[in-house]
């Protein structure tokens, strides 16, 4: 199962639920899906909740793995929320925001390669 599926998904804020018991069939990976609705209907709340930025309950399965069971750091490796406007004082274009993420991923890949190299020099590998 490659893609995103929601089961009994609820999200919102401490004093106001916004999404209740939402079920979404599998949205296949690699396909474009549009989230469309009027202002205030919960589009941003849903996306923020998938990224772990809002409280949520239920299941959010990404490639069969429940996002709700992941730590914030683990989830951030799989889901990124880029708001329409950034907080005051942050002046990044969309491309610059993507480059920041890619640099982090490249640095982590290099650290892993270096660890493998040093382990290969020992008898531990």
Foldseek 3Di string as FASTA:
>chain_A
DAAKWFAQKWWDAPVDTQDGGDTDPGDHPPDDDDDDDDPSNCPVRVLCVQLVNTDMDGAIAHGHDGSVPDDNVVSNVPGDDDDPDDDPPDDDDPVRVVVVVVVVVVVVVVVVVVVVVVCVVDPND
